[in-house]
Amino acid sequence: MLIVMPLSSKEAETARLVPMQDAKAWGLLEFDEGEVRKIDFFDTFEEIEEFVDYAIVAKQGEPIWPFMEQNIFVLVAREGAGIDEVMEGFKFKELHEASF
């Protein structure tokens, strides 16, 4: 499954989840069997050509229409959380469904 999220940088170890308008990079994570298998970074969401299953954003009220138009399920994690922390929340179903 593929998961996309707006990040503060292209450094997997230090990147943090940020609001979409503040994204310095978009992380595309391949998540399989409870683990992140691979992370690719893009400058914009529009560069991603693969079918994305989930988008994880930093807060409620984000402009999530582009995701919804592509039938991408949108979840909300804590702004400033690292990739590992966000994915732990995803893995254990601790993230909330986004509203607009």
PDB file of N, CA and C in Angstrom:
ATOM      1  N   MET A   1       0.838  -1.165   0.000  1.00  0.00           N
ATOM      2  CA  MET A   1       0.000   0.000   0.000  1.00  0.00           C
ATOM      3  C   MET A   1       0.887   1.233   0.000  1.00  0.00           C
ATOM      4  N   LEU A   2       0.414   2.291  -0.667  1.00  0.00           N
ATOM      5  CA  LEU A   2       1.186   3.531  -0.757  1.00  0.00           C
ATOM      6  C   LEU A   2       0.527   4.630   0.069  1.00  0.00           C
ATOM      7  N   ILE A   3       1.346   5.334   0.828  1.00  0.00           N
ATOM      8  CA  ILE A   3       0.895   6.396   1.722  1.00  0.00           C
ATOM      9  C   ILE A   3       1.713   7.643   1.435  1.00  0.00           C
ATOM     10  N   VAL A   4       1.036   8.775   1.302  1.00  0.00           N
ATOM     11  CA  VAL A   4       1.726  10.031   1.035  1.00  0.00           C
ATOM     12  C   VAL A   4       1.525  10.982   2.221  1.00  0.00           C
ATOM     13  N   MET A   5       2.551  11.809   2.490  1.00  0.00           N
ATOM     14  CA  MET A   5       2.421  12.808   3.551  1.00  0.00           C
ATOM     15  C   MET A   5       3.315  14.014   3.266  1.00  0.00           C
ATOM     16  N   PRO A   6       2.863  15.213   3.648  1.00  0.00           N
ATOM     17  CA  PRO A   6       3.667  16.424   3.480  1.00  0.00           C
ATOM     18  C   PRO A   6       4.721  16.506   4.582  1.00  0.00           C
ATOM     19  N   LEU A   7       5.967  16.738   4.179  1.00  0.00           N
ATOM     20  CA  LEU A   7       7.073  16.688   5.130  1.00  0.00           C
ATOM     21  C   LEU A   7       7.916  17.959   5.119  1.00  0.00           C
ATOM     22  N   SER A   8       8.694  18.116   6.179  1.00  0.00           N
ATOM     23  CA  SER A   8       9.552  19.287   6.336  1.00  0.00           C
ATOM     24  C   SER A   8      10.848  19.181   5.553  1.00  0.00           C
ATOM     25  N   SER A   9      11.226  17.969   5.124  1.00  0.00           N
ATOM     26  CA  SER A   9      12.477  17.790   4.379  1.00  0.00           C
ATOM     27  C   SER A   9      12.471  16.444   3.669  1.00  0.00           C
ATOM     28  N   LYS A  10      13.524  16.193   2.902  1.00  0.00           N
ATOM     29  CA  LYS A  10      13.698  14.910   2.208  1.00  0.00           C
ATOM     30  C   LYS A  10      14.622  13.973   2.980  1.00  0.00           C
ATOM     31  N   GLU A  11      14.864  14.251   4.232  1.00  0.00           N
ATOM     32  CA  GLU A  11      15.701  13.401   5.087  1.00  0.00           C
ATOM     33  C   GLU A  11      14.787  12.529   5.949  1.00  0.00           C
ATOM     34  N   ALA A  12      14.730  11.241   5.658  1.00  0.00           N
ATOM     35  CA  ALA A  12      13.798  10.341   6.340  1.00  0.00           C
ATOM     36  C   ALA A  12      13.954  10.356   7.858  1.00  0.00           C
ATOM     37  N   GLU A  13      15.187  10.485   8.344  1.00  0.00           N
ATOM     38  CA  GLU A  13      15.429  10.421   9.787  1.00  0.00           C
ATOM     39  C   GLU A  13      14.959  11.676  10.517  1.00  0.00           C
ATOM     40  N   THR A  14      14.971  12.827   9.848  1.00  0.00           N
ATOM     41  CA  THR A  14      14.656  14.084  10.539  1.00  0.00           C
ATOM     42  C   THR A  14      13.375  14.755  10.041  1.00  0.00           C
ATOM     43  N   ALA A  15      12.788  14.278   8.964  1.00  0.00           N
ATOM     44  CA  ALA A  15      11.582  14.897   8.408  1.00  0.00           C
ATOM     45  C   ALA A  15      10.433  14.834   9.399  1.00  0.00           C
ATOM     46  N   ARG A  16       9.643  15.893   9.406  1.00  0.00           N
ATOM     47  CA  ARG A  16       8.480  15.994  10.281  1.00  0.00           C
ATOM     48  C   ARG A  16       7.235  16.258   9.439  1.00  0.00           C
ATOM     49  N   LEU A  17       6.091  15.806   9.927  1.00  0.00           N
ATOM     50  CA  LEU A  17       4.814  16.054   9.274  1.00  0.00           C
ATOM     51  C   LEU A  17       4.463  17.529   9.441  1.00  0.00           C
ATOM     52  N   VAL A  18       4.165  18.205   8.333  1.00  0.00           N
ATOM     53  CA  VAL A  18       3.848  19.634   8.364  1.00  0.00           C
ATOM     54  C   VAL A  18       2.540  19.881   7.603  1.00  0.00           C
ATOM     55  N   PRO A  19       1.918  21.059   7.821  1.00  0.00           N
ATOM     56  CA  PRO A  19       0.743  21.398   7.016  1.00  0.00           C
ATOM     57  C   PRO A  19       1.095  21.383   5.530  1.00  0.00           C
ATOM     58  N   MET A  20       0.129  21.076   4.705  1.00  0.00           N
ATOM     59  CA  MET A  20       0.374  20.909   3.270  1.00  0.00           C
ATOM     60  C   MET A  20       1.029  22.130   2.640  1.00  0.00           C
ATOM     61  N   GLN A  21       0.608  23.339   3.016  1.00  0.00           N
ATOM     62  CA  GLN A  21       1.173  24.546   2.406  1.00  0.00           C
ATOM     63  C   GLN A  21       2.618  24.792   2.835  1.00  0.00           C
ATOM     64  N   ASP A  22       3.079  24.139   3.901  1.00  0.00           N
ATOM     65  CA  ASP A  22       4.452  24.306   4.381  1.00  0.00           C
ATOM     66  C   ASP A  22       5.387  23.186   3.920  1.00  0.00           C
ATOM     67  N   ALA A  23       4.871  22.239   3.144  1.00  0.00           N
ATOM     68  CA  ALA A  23       5.659  21.062   2.751  1.00  0.00           C
ATOM     69  C   ALA A  23       6.872  21.454   1.916  1.00  0.00           C
ATOM     70  N   LYS A  24       8.037  20.992   2.343  1.00  0.00           N
ATOM     71  CA  LYS A  24       9.275  21.138   1.574  1.00  0.00           C
ATOM     72  C   LYS A  24       9.464  19.908   0.677  1.00  0.00           C
ATOM     73  N   ALA A  25       8.731  18.835   1.014  1.00  0.00           N
ATOM     74  CA  ALA A  25       8.793  17.576   0.266  1.00  0.00           C
ATOM     75  C   ALA A  25       7.525  16.780   0.551  1.00  0.00           C
ATOM     76  N   TRP A  26       7.240  15.847  -0.344  1.00  0.00           N
ATOM     77  CA  TRP A  26       6.150  14.895  -0.140  1.00  0.00           C
ATOM     78  C   TRP A  26       6.771  13.512  -0.084  1.00  0.00           C
ATOM     79  N   GLY A  27       6.501  12.805   1.000  1.00  0.00           N
ATOM     80  CA  GLY A  27       7.017  11.455   1.142  1.00  0.00           C
ATOM     81  C   GLY A  27       5.999  10.442   0.649  1.00  0.00           C
ATOM     82  N   LEU A  28       6.433   9.533  -0.194  1.00  0.00           N
ATOM     83  CA  LEU A  28       5.600   8.429  -0.658  1.00  0.00           C
ATOM     84  C   LEU A  28       6.168   7.158  -0.042  1.00  0.00           C
ATOM     85  N   LEU A  29       5.423   6.596   0.876  1.00  0.00           N
ATOM     86  CA  LEU A  29       5.889   5.435   1.626  1.00  0.00           C
ATOM     87  C   LEU A  29       5.216   4.169   1.136  1.00  0.00           C
ATOM     88  N   GLU A  30       6.021   3.151   0.914  1.00  0.00           N
ATOM     89  CA  GLU A  30       5.477   1.834   0.607  1.00  0.00           C
ATOM     90  C   GLU A  30       5.390   1.095   1.936  1.00  0.00           C
ATOM     91  N   PHE A  31       4.163   0.783   2.352  1.00  0.00           N
ATOM     92  CA  PHE A  31       3.907   0.157   3.646  1.00  0.00           C
ATOM     93  C   PHE A  31       3.349  -1.236   3.405  1.00  0.00           C
ATOM     94  N   ASP A  32       4.035  -2.254   3.930  1.00  0.00           N
ATOM     95  CA  ASP A  32       3.629  -3.634   3.693  1.00  0.00           C
ATOM     96  C   ASP A  32       3.940  -4.466   4.925  1.00  0.00           C
ATOM     97  N   GLU A  33       2.988  -5.298   5.327  1.00  0.00           N
ATOM     98  CA  GLU A  33       3.158  -6.199   6.466  1.00  0.00           C
ATOM     99  C   GLU A  33       3.613  -5.461   7.717  1.00  0.00           C
ATOM    100  N   GLY A  34       3.023  -4.276   7.946  1.00  0.00           N
ATOM    101  CA  GLY A  34       3.299  -3.521   9.167  1.00  0.00           C
ATOM    102  C   GLY A  34       4.611  -2.772   9.190  1.00  0.00           C
ATOM    103  N   GLU A  35       5.279  -2.653   8.047  1.00  0.00           N
ATOM    104  CA  GLU A  35       6.570  -1.972   8.002  1.00  0.00           C
ATOM    105  C   GLU A  35       6.682  -1.071   6.784  1.00  0.00           C
ATOM    106  N   VAL A  36       7.440   0.023   6.953  1.00  0.00           N
ATOM    107  CA  VAL A  36       7.763   0.878   5.814  1.00  0.00           C
ATOM    108  C   VAL A  36       8.869   0.182   5.036  1.00  0.00           C
ATOM    109  N   ARG A  37       8.590  -0.158   3.791  1.00  0.00           N
ATOM    110  CA  ARG A  37       9.565  -0.864   2.947  1.00  0.00           C
ATOM    111  C   ARG A  37      10.451   0.096   2.160  1.00  0.00           C
ATOM    112  N   LYS A  38       9.887   1.267   1.818  1.00  0.00           N
ATOM    113  CA  LYS A  38      10.616   2.196   0.972  1.00  0.00           C
ATOM    114  C   LYS A  38       9.990   3.584   1.106  1.00  0.00           C
ATOM    115  N   ILE A  39      10.813   4.623   1.009  1.00  0.00           N
ATOM    116  CA  ILE A  39      10.322   6.000   0.990  1.00  0.00           C
ATOM    117  C   ILE A  39      10.937   6.718  -0.206  1.00  0.00           C
ATOM    118  N   ASP A  40      10.073   7.304  -1.028  1.00  0.00           N
ATOM    119  CA  ASP A  40      10.522   8.161  -2.126  1.00  0.00           C
ATOM    120  C   ASP A  40      10.060   9.573  -1.809  1.00  0.00           C
ATOM    121  N   PHE A  41      10.873  10.545  -2.195  1.00  0.00           N
ATOM    122  CA  PHE A  41      10.539  11.941  -1.924  1.00  0.00           C
ATOM    123  C   PHE A  41      10.293  12.686  -3.227  1.00  0.00           C
ATOM    124  N   PHE A  42       9.302  13.579  -3.189  1.00  0.00           N
ATOM    125  CA  PHE A  42       8.925  14.398  -4.340  1.00  0.00           C
ATOM    126  C   PHE A  42       8.822  15.844  -3.894  1.00  0.00           C
ATOM    127  N   ASP A  43       9.039  16.760  -4.831  1.00  0.00           N
ATOM    128  CA  ASP A  43       8.927  18.185  -4.516  1.00  0.00           C
ATOM    129  C   ASP A  43       7.475  18.616  -4.377  1.00  0.00           C
ATOM    130  N   THR A  44       6.586  18.018  -5.155  1.00  0.00           N
ATOM    131  CA  THR A  44       5.163  18.343  -5.085  1.00  0.00           C
ATOM    132  C   THR A  44       4.343  17.062  -5.130  1.00  0.00           C
ATOM    133  N   PHE A  45       3.116  17.142  -4.634  1.00  0.00           N
ATOM    134  CA  PHE A  45       2.223  15.991  -4.680  1.00  0.00           C
ATOM    135  C   PHE A  45       1.906  15.608  -6.126  1.00  0.00           C
ATOM    136  N   GLU A  46       1.806  16.613  -6.994  1.00  0.00           N
ATOM    137  CA  GLU A  46       1.435  16.378  -8.383  1.00  0.00           C
ATOM    138  C   GLU A  46       2.448  15.530  -9.147  1.00  0.00           C
ATOM    139  N   GLU A  47       3.671  15.451  -8.662  1.00  0.00           N
ATOM    140  CA  GLU A  47       4.704  14.638  -9.315  1.00  0.00           C
ATOM    141  C   GLU A  47       4.486  13.137  -9.121  1.00  0.00           C
ATOM    142  N   ILE A  48       3.683  12.769  -8.158  1.00  0.00           N
ATOM    143  CA  ILE A  48       3.474  11.360  -7.838  1.00  0.00           C
ATOM    144  C   ILE A  48       2.507  10.755  -8.856  1.00  0.00           C
ATOM    145  N   GLU A  49       2.954   9.735  -9.556  1.00  0.00           N
ATOM    146  CA  GLU A  49       2.141   9.121 -10.608  1.00  0.00           C
ATOM    147  C   GLU A  49       1.482   7.813 -10.170  1.00  0.00           C
ATOM    148  N   GLU A  50       1.963   7.199  -9.112  1.00  0.00           N
ATOM    149  CA  GLU A  50       1.391   5.941  -8.637  1.00  0.00           C
ATOM    150  C   GLU A  50       0.037   6.186  -7.984  1.00  0.00           C
ATOM    151  N   PHE A  51      -0.767   5.116  -7.904  1.00  0.00           N
ATOM    152  CA  PHE A  51      -2.040   5.197  -7.189  1.00  0.00           C
ATOM    153  C   PHE A  51      -1.757   5.157  -5.698  1.00  0.00           C
ATOM    154  N   VAL A  52      -2.172   6.179  -4.992  1.00  0.00           N
ATOM    155  CA  VAL A  52      -1.939   6.302  -3.550  1.00  0.00           C
ATOM    156  C   VAL A  52      -3.180   5.817  -2.807  1.00  0.00           C
ATOM    157  N   ASP A  53      -2.970   5.027  -1.758  1.00  0.00           N
ATOM    158  CA  ASP A  53      -4.079   4.497  -0.966  1.00  0.00           C
ATOM    159  C   ASP A  53      -4.511   5.454   0.142  1.00  0.00           C
ATOM    160  N   TYR A  54      -3.529   6.062   0.827  1.00  0.00           N
ATOM    161  CA  TYR A  54      -3.801   6.947   1.956  1.00  0.00           C
ATOM    162  C   TYR A  54      -2.951   8.201   1.870  1.00  0.00           C
ATOM    163  N   ALA A  55      -3.518   9.300   2.365  1.00  0.00           N
ATOM    164  CA  ALA A  55      -2.758  10.523   2.595  1.00  0.00           C
ATOM    165  C   ALA A  55      -2.868  10.800   4.088  1.00  0.00           C
ATOM    166  N   ILE A  56      -1.767  11.210   4.685  1.00  0.00           N
ATOM    167  CA  ILE A  56      -1.770  11.578   6.104  1.00  0.00           C
ATOM    168  C   ILE A  56      -1.375  13.043   6.178  1.00  0.00           C
ATOM    169  N   VAL A  57      -2.251  13.868   6.779  1.00  0.00           N
ATOM    170  CA  VAL A  57      -2.011  15.299   6.879  1.00  0.00           C
ATOM    171  C   VAL A  57      -1.812  15.691   8.343  1.00  0.00           C
ATOM    172  N   ALA A  58      -1.341  16.941   8.544  1.00  0.00           N
ATOM    173  CA  ALA A  58      -0.926  17.384   9.868  1.00  0.00           C
ATOM    174  C   ALA A  58      -2.052  17.910  10.749  1.00  0.00           C
ATOM    175  N   LYS A  59      -3.179  18.294  10.157  1.00  0.00           N
ATOM    176  CA  LYS A  59      -4.251  18.835  10.997  1.00  0.00           C
ATOM    177  C   LYS A  59      -5.581  18.816  10.248  1.00  0.00           C
ATOM    178  N   GLN A  60      -6.661  18.901  11.035  1.00  0.00           N
ATOM    179  CA  GLN A  60      -7.999  19.002  10.449  1.00  0.00           C
ATOM    180  C   GLN A  60      -8.084  20.321   9.687  1.00  0.00           C
ATOM    181  N   GLY A  61      -8.911  20.370   8.665  1.00  0.00           N
ATOM    182  CA  GLY A  61      -9.118  21.592   7.923  1.00  0.00           C
ATOM    183  C   GLY A  61      -8.140  21.825   6.783  1.00  0.00           C
ATOM    184  N   GLU A  62      -7.242  20.876   6.546  1.00  0.00           N
ATOM    185  CA  GLU A  62      -6.307  20.987   5.425  1.00  0.00           C
ATOM    186  C   GLU A  62      -7.112  20.914   4.118  1.00  0.00           C
ATOM    187  N   PRO A  63      -6.599  21.481   3.018  1.00  0.00           N
ATOM    188  CA  PRO A  63      -7.303  21.420   1.731  1.00  0.00           C
ATOM    189  C   PRO A  63      -7.132  20.038   1.083  1.00  0.00           C
ATOM    190  N   ILE A  64      -7.975  19.097   1.491  1.00  0.00           N
ATOM    191  CA  ILE A  64      -7.805  17.691   1.091  1.00  0.00           C
ATOM    192  C   ILE A  64      -8.582  17.305  -0.160  1.00  0.00           C
ATOM    193  N   TRP A  65      -9.246  18.254  -0.839  1.00  0.00           N
ATOM    194  CA  TRP A  65     -10.031  17.922  -2.028  1.00  0.00           C
ATOM    195  C   TRP A  65      -9.231  17.190  -3.099  1.00  0.00           C
ATOM    196  N   PRO A  66      -7.974  17.590  -3.375  1.00  0.00           N
ATOM    197  CA  PRO A  66      -7.229  16.846  -4.408  1.00  0.00           C
ATOM    198  C   PRO A  66      -7.113  15.355  -4.093  1.00  0.00           C
ATOM    199  N   PHE A  67      -7.001  15.021  -2.818  1.00  0.00           N
ATOM    200  CA  PHE A  67      -6.930  13.610  -2.423  1.00  0.00           C
ATOM    201  C   PHE A  67      -8.285  12.932  -2.622  1.00  0.00           C
ATOM    202  N   MET A  68      -9.320  13.597  -2.162  1.00  0.00           N
ATOM    203  CA  MET A  68     -10.658  13.008  -2.243  1.00  0.00           C
ATOM    204  C   MET A  68     -11.079  12.792  -3.693  1.00  0.00           C
ATOM    205  N   GLU A  69     -10.697  13.691  -4.591  1.00  0.00           N
ATOM    206  CA  GLU A  69     -11.033  13.535  -6.006  1.00  0.00           C
ATOM    207  C   GLU A  69     -10.370  12.296  -6.609  1.00  0.00           C
ATOM    208  N   GLN A  70      -9.249  11.864  -6.008  1.00  0.00           N
ATOM    209  CA  GLN A  70      -8.547  10.677  -6.488  1.00  0.00           C
ATOM    210  C   GLN A  70      -8.881   9.436  -5.651  1.00  0.00           C
ATOM    211  N   ASN A  71      -9.917   9.538  -4.833  1.00  0.00           N
ATOM    212  CA  ASN A  71     -10.348   8.436  -3.958  1.00  0.00           C
ATOM    213  C   ASN A  71      -9.255   7.980  -2.999  1.00  0.00           C
ATOM    214  N   ILE A  72      -8.493   8.938  -2.499  1.00  0.00           N
ATOM    215  CA  ILE A  72      -7.460   8.659  -1.502  1.00  0.00           C
ATOM    216  C   ILE A  72      -8.063   8.918  -0.127  1.00  0.00           C
ATOM    217  N   PHE A  73      -8.002   7.939   0.751  1.00  0.00           N
ATOM    218  CA  PHE A  73      -8.519   8.079   2.109  1.00  0.00           C
ATOM    219  C   PHE A  73      -7.565   8.958   2.904  1.00  0.00           C
ATOM    220  N   VAL A  74      -8.082   9.958   3.617  1.00  0.00           N
ATOM    221  CA  VAL A  74      -7.230  10.930   4.307  1.00  0.00           C
ATOM    222  C   VAL A  74      -7.352  10.781   5.818  1.00  0.00           C
ATOM    223  N   LEU A  75      -6.185  10.670   6.471  1.00  0.00           N
ATOM    224  CA  LEU A  75      -6.096  10.576   7.924  1.00  0.00           C
ATOM    225  C   LEU A  75      -5.301  11.756   8.466  1.00  0.00           C
ATOM    226  N   VAL A  76      -5.480  12.032   9.760  1.00  0.00           N
ATOM    227  CA  VAL A  76      -4.784  13.144  10.410  1.00  0.00           C
ATOM    228  C   VAL A  76      -3.894  12.611  11.519  1.00  0.00           C
ATOM    229  N   ALA A  77      -2.639  13.059  11.515  1.00  0.00           N
ATOM    230  CA  ALA A  77      -1.689  12.737  12.586  1.00  0.00           C
ATOM    231  C   ALA A  77      -1.271  14.054  13.232  1.00  0.00           C
ATOM    232  N   ARG A  78      -0.449  13.986  14.232  1.00  0.00           N
ATOM    233  CA  ARG A  78      -0.005  15.177  14.953  1.00  0.00           C
ATOM    234  C   ARG A  78       1.032  15.954  14.154  1.00  0.00           C
ATOM    235  N   GLU A  79       0.790  17.244  13.989  1.00  0.00           N
ATOM    236  CA  GLU A  79       1.756  18.111  13.315  1.00  0.00           C
ATOM    237  C   GLU A  79       3.091  18.047  14.054  1.00  0.00           C
ATOM    238  N   GLY A  80       4.172  17.924  13.313  1.00  0.00           N
ATOM    239  CA  GLY A  80       5.506  17.864  13.906  1.00  0.00           C
ATOM    240  C   GLY A  80       5.978  16.457  14.228  1.00  0.00           C
ATOM    241  N   ALA A  81       5.137  15.468  14.041  1.00  0.00           N
ATOM    242  CA  ALA A  81       5.526  14.080  14.315  1.00  0.00           C
ATOM    243  C   ALA A  81       6.497  13.598  13.236  1.00  0.00           C
ATOM    244  N   GLY A  82       7.433  12.751  13.622  1.00  0.00           N
ATOM    245  CA  GLY A  82       8.361  12.146  12.684  1.00  0.00           C
ATOM    246  C   GLY A  82       7.680  11.033  11.895  1.00  0.00           C
ATOM    247  N   ILE A  83       8.310  10.611  10.828  1.00  0.00           N
ATOM    248  CA  ILE A  83       7.742   9.567   9.976  1.00  0.00           C
ATOM    249  C   ILE A  83       7.468   8.292  10.769  1.00  0.00           C
ATOM    250  N   ASP A  84       8.414   7.862  11.593  1.00  0.00           N
ATOM    251  CA  ASP A  84       8.217   6.633  12.371  1.00  0.00           C
ATOM    252  C   ASP A  84       7.023   6.749  13.313  1.00  0.00           C
ATOM    253  N   GLU A  85       6.889   7.912  13.958  1.00  0.00           N
ATOM    254  CA  GLU A  85       5.777   8.121  14.883  1.00  0.00           C
ATOM    255  C   GLU A  85       4.438   8.108  14.142  1.00  0.00           C
ATOM    256  N   VAL A  86       4.382   8.763  12.988  1.00  0.00           N
ATOM    257  CA  VAL A  86       3.158   8.770  12.188  1.00  0.00           C
ATOM    258  C   VAL A  86       2.789   7.354  11.773  1.00  0.00           C
ATOM    259  N   MET A  87       3.770   6.595  11.318  1.00  0.00           N
ATOM    260  CA  MET A  87       3.486   5.245  10.847  1.00  0.00           C
ATOM    261  C   MET A  87       3.117   4.297  11.984  1.00  0.00           C
ATOM    262  N   GLU A  88       3.634   4.531  13.168  1.00  0.00           N
ATOM    263  CA  GLU A  88       3.192   3.733  14.330  1.00  0.00           C
ATOM    264  C   GLU A  88       1.717   3.994  14.588  1.00  0.00           C
ATOM    265  N   GLY A  89       1.318   5.272  14.526  1.00  0.00           N
ATOM    266  CA  GLY A  89      -0.089   5.616  14.704  1.00  0.00           C
ATOM    267  C   GLY A  89      -0.962   4.992  13.635  1.00  0.00           C
ATOM    268  N   PHE A  90      -0.478   4.975  12.401  1.00  0.00           N
ATOM    269  CA  PHE A  90      -1.216   4.345  11.304  1.00  0.00           C
ATOM    270  C   PHE A  90      -1.343   2.842  11.551  1.00  0.00           C
ATOM    271  N   LYS A  91      -0.255   2.225  11.880  1.00  0.00           N
ATOM    272  CA  LYS A  91      -0.210   0.772  12.071  1.00  0.00           C
ATOM    273  C   LYS A  91      -1.195   0.317  13.153  1.00  0.00           C
ATOM    274  N   PHE A  92      -1.285   1.120  14.234  1.00  0.00           N
ATOM    275  CA  PHE A  92      -2.149   0.739  15.351  1.00  0.00           C
ATOM    276  C   PHE A  92      -3.510   1.438  15.315  1.00  0.00           C
ATOM    277  N   LYS A  93      -3.864   2.000  14.132  1.00  0.00           N
ATOM    278  CA  LYS A  93      -5.179   2.621  13.911  1.00  0.00           C
ATOM    279  C   LYS A  93      -5.471   3.730  14.924  1.00  0.00           C
ATOM    280  N   GLU A  94      -4.460   4.538  15.229  1.00  0.00           N
ATOM    281  CA  GLU A  94      -4.614   5.632  16.182  1.00  0.00           C
ATOM    282  C   GLU A  94      -4.836   6.985  15.495  1.00  0.00           C
ATOM    283  N   LEU A  95      -4.826   7.015  14.162  1.00  0.00           N
ATOM    284  CA  LEU A  95      -5.026   8.267  13.434  1.00  0.00           C
ATOM    285  C   LEU A  95      -6.517   8.475  13.180  1.00  0.00           C
ATOM    286  N   HIS A  96      -6.912   9.734  13.029  1.00  0.00           N
ATOM    287  CA  HIS A  96      -8.311  10.057  12.834  1.00  0.00           C
ATOM    288  C   HIS A  96      -8.605  10.404  11.384  1.00  0.00           C
ATOM    289  N   GLU A  97      -9.827  10.150  10.976  1.00  0.00           N
ATOM    290  CA  GLU A  97     -10.247  10.498   9.618  1.00  0.00           C
ATOM    291  C   GLU A  97     -10.312  12.016   9.493  1.00  0.00           C
ATOM    292  N   ALA A  98      -9.824  12.529   8.380  1.00  0.00           N
ATOM    293  CA  ALA A  98      -9.830  13.968   8.141  1.00  0.00           C
ATOM    294  C   ALA A  98     -11.226  14.463   7.825  1.00  0.00           C
ATOM    295  N   SER A  99     -11.484  15.704   8.240  1.00  0.00           N
ATOM    296  CA  SER A  99     -12.733  16.371   7.878  1.00  0.00           C
ATOM    297  C   SER A  99     -12.359  17.677   7.208  1.00  0.00           C
ATOM    298  N   PHE A 100     -13.302  18.279   6.534  1.00  0.00           N
ATOM    299  CA  PHE A 100     -13.003  19.518   5.816  1.00  0.00           C
ATOM    300  C   PHE A 100     -14.084  20.544   6.051  1.00  0.00           C
TER     301      PHE A 100
END
